N, C-alpha and C. Protein backbone atom coordinates (compact mmCIF):
# COMPACT_ATOMS: atom_id res chain seq x y z
N MET A 1 -252.87 20.46 -40.56
CA MET A 1 -253.83 21.10 -41.90
C MET A 1 -254.53 20.15 -42.18
N PRO A 2 -255.88 20.72 -42.68
CA PRO A 2 -256.79 19.95 -43.23
C PRO A 2 -256.18 19.43 -44.66
N ILE A 3 -256.88 18.26 -45.17
CA ILE A 3 -256.35 17.77 -46.40
C ILE A 3 -257.17 18.85 -47.74
N GLY A 4 -256.11 18.98 -48.58
CA GLY A 4 -256.57 20.17 -49.76
C GLY A 4 -257.72 19.58 -50.75
N ARG A 5 -257.93 20.77 -51.50
CA ARG A 5 -259.11 20.38 -52.34
C ARG A 5 -258.92 18.92 -53.29
N ASN A 6 -257.49 19.21 -53.66
CA ASN A 6 -257.61 17.99 -54.63
C ASN A 6 -257.62 16.56 -54.10
N GLY A 7 -257.48 16.55 -52.66
CA GLY A 7 -257.78 15.15 -51.87
C GLY A 7 -256.36 14.75 -51.57
N LEU A 8 -255.32 15.28 -51.94
CA LEU A 8 -253.63 14.98 -51.58
C LEU A 8 -253.45 15.23 -49.98
N ASN A 9 -252.78 14.43 -49.15
CA ASN A 9 -252.23 14.98 -48.04
C ASN A 9 -251.16 15.97 -48.31
N PRO A 10 -251.36 17.17 -47.15
CA PRO A 10 -250.37 18.44 -47.77
C PRO A 10 -248.81 17.88 -47.64
N VAL A 11 -248.84 17.10 -46.56
CA VAL A 11 -247.50 16.21 -46.42
C VAL A 11 -246.77 15.81 -47.11
N VAL A 12 -247.38 15.06 -48.21
CA VAL A 12 -247.29 13.99 -49.41
C VAL A 12 -246.81 15.23 -50.56
N TYR A 13 -247.63 16.04 -50.62
CA TYR A 13 -247.46 17.19 -51.66
C TYR A 13 -246.15 17.89 -51.42
N MET A 14 -246.07 18.34 -50.22
CA MET A 14 -244.62 19.12 -49.83
C MET A 14 -243.23 18.13 -50.33
N GLY A 15 -243.64 16.83 -50.13
CA GLY A 15 -242.58 15.87 -50.50
C GLY A 15 -242.17 15.93 -51.63
N ASP A 16 -243.41 15.76 -52.29
CA ASP A 16 -243.01 15.48 -53.86
C ASP A 16 -242.36 17.02 -54.54
N TRP A 17 -243.00 18.13 -53.74
CA TRP A 17 -242.58 19.72 -54.12
C TRP A 17 -241.05 19.53 -53.77
N HIS A 18 -240.64 19.19 -52.62
CA HIS A 18 -239.00 19.19 -52.42
C HIS A 18 -238.52 18.55 -53.51
N GLU A 19 -238.88 17.38 -53.76
CA GLU A 19 -238.29 16.62 -54.61
C GLU A 19 -238.12 17.18 -56.00
N MET A 20 -239.36 17.84 -56.22
CA MET A 20 -239.01 18.41 -57.66
C MET A 20 -238.06 19.51 -57.59
N VAL A 21 -237.80 20.55 -56.54
CA VAL A 21 -237.33 21.64 -56.17
C VAL A 21 -235.67 21.01 -56.68
N SER A 22 -235.61 19.72 -55.45
CA SER A 22 -234.16 19.06 -55.46
C SER A 22 -233.73 19.19 -57.04
N ALA A 23 -234.24 18.26 -57.48
CA ALA A 23 -234.16 17.89 -58.92
C ALA A 23 -233.49 19.09 -59.77
N LYS A 24 -234.50 20.22 -59.73
CA LYS A 24 -234.25 21.05 -60.68
C LYS A 24 -233.04 21.78 -60.26
N ILE A 25 -232.57 21.77 -58.94
CA ILE A 25 -231.46 22.59 -58.52
C ILE A 25 -230.31 21.60 -58.91
N LEU A 26 -230.32 20.40 -58.56
CA LEU A 26 -229.43 19.68 -59.09
C LEU A 26 -229.07 19.75 -60.49
N SER A 27 -230.09 19.88 -61.57
CA SER A 27 -229.94 19.92 -62.97
C SER A 27 -229.15 21.47 -63.24
N LEU A 28 -229.49 22.57 -62.25
CA LEU A 28 -229.00 23.69 -62.95
C LEU A 28 -227.76 23.64 -62.28
N PHE A 29 -226.96 22.93 -61.13
CA PHE A 29 -225.78 22.80 -60.39
C PHE A 29 -224.91 22.03 -61.45
N ILE A 30 -225.32 20.93 -62.22
CA ILE A 30 -224.80 19.86 -63.04
C ILE A 30 -224.35 20.94 -64.53
N ASN A 31 -225.30 21.79 -64.92
CA ASN A 31 -225.49 22.61 -65.91
C ASN A 31 -224.36 23.64 -65.95
N SER A 32 -224.21 24.17 -64.51
CA SER A 32 -223.61 25.07 -64.43
C SER A 32 -221.87 24.65 -64.03
N LEU A 33 -221.91 23.18 -64.00
CA LEU A 33 -220.28 22.64 -63.62
C LEU A 33 -220.05 22.48 -65.36
N PHE A 34 -220.87 21.97 -65.89
CA PHE A 34 -220.49 21.73 -67.51
C PHE A 34 -219.92 22.96 -67.95
N ILE A 35 -220.99 24.23 -67.80
CA ILE A 35 -220.33 25.13 -68.59
C ILE A 35 -218.92 25.82 -67.97
N PHE A 36 -218.76 25.63 -66.41
CA PHE A 36 -217.12 25.94 -65.86
C PHE A 36 -216.04 25.44 -66.93
N ALA A 37 -216.74 23.91 -66.81
CA ALA A 37 -215.79 23.06 -67.28
C ALA A 37 -214.99 23.67 -68.50
N CYS A 38 -216.19 23.72 -69.62
CA CYS A 38 -215.93 24.26 -70.79
C CYS A 38 -215.21 25.69 -71.08
N TYR A 39 -215.63 26.69 -69.74
CA TYR A 39 -214.81 27.83 -70.21
C TYR A 39 -213.61 27.38 -69.47
N THR A 40 -213.06 26.87 -68.50
CA THR A 40 -211.90 26.55 -68.05
C THR A 40 -211.20 26.20 -69.04
N ILE A 41 -211.66 24.95 -70.23
CA ILE A 41 -210.90 23.96 -70.99
C ILE A 41 -210.77 25.16 -71.98
N SER A 42 -211.50 26.21 -72.35
CA SER A 42 -211.23 27.00 -73.64
C SER A 42 -210.04 28.11 -73.29
N LYS A 43 -210.26 28.36 -71.90
CA LYS A 43 -208.95 28.97 -71.14
C LYS A 43 -207.55 28.63 -71.02
N LEU A 44 -207.63 27.50 -71.02
CA LEU A 44 -206.63 26.60 -71.24
C LEU A 44 -206.06 26.61 -72.41
N ASP A 45 -206.84 26.11 -73.20
CA ASP A 45 -206.59 26.25 -74.82
C ASP A 45 -205.94 27.22 -75.33
N LYS A 46 -206.58 28.71 -74.78
CA LYS A 46 -206.03 29.69 -75.32
C LYS A 46 -204.48 30.19 -74.87
N LYS A 47 -204.30 29.79 -73.73
CA LYS A 47 -202.76 29.87 -73.06
C LYS A 47 -201.77 29.35 -73.96
N GLU A 48 -202.07 28.18 -74.14
CA GLU A 48 -201.13 27.36 -74.80
C GLU A 48 -200.99 27.66 -76.61
């Protein structure tokens, strides 16, 4: 592939993009885990 207009190597750009997406997925995963934990705790509190 040719070098992009902004002068960055496409491989390096794709690597940065992959890291950014991984970070977003990781934060979403942590958020969903936190919500699930809070939901489970509230369920347990209601049972008692």
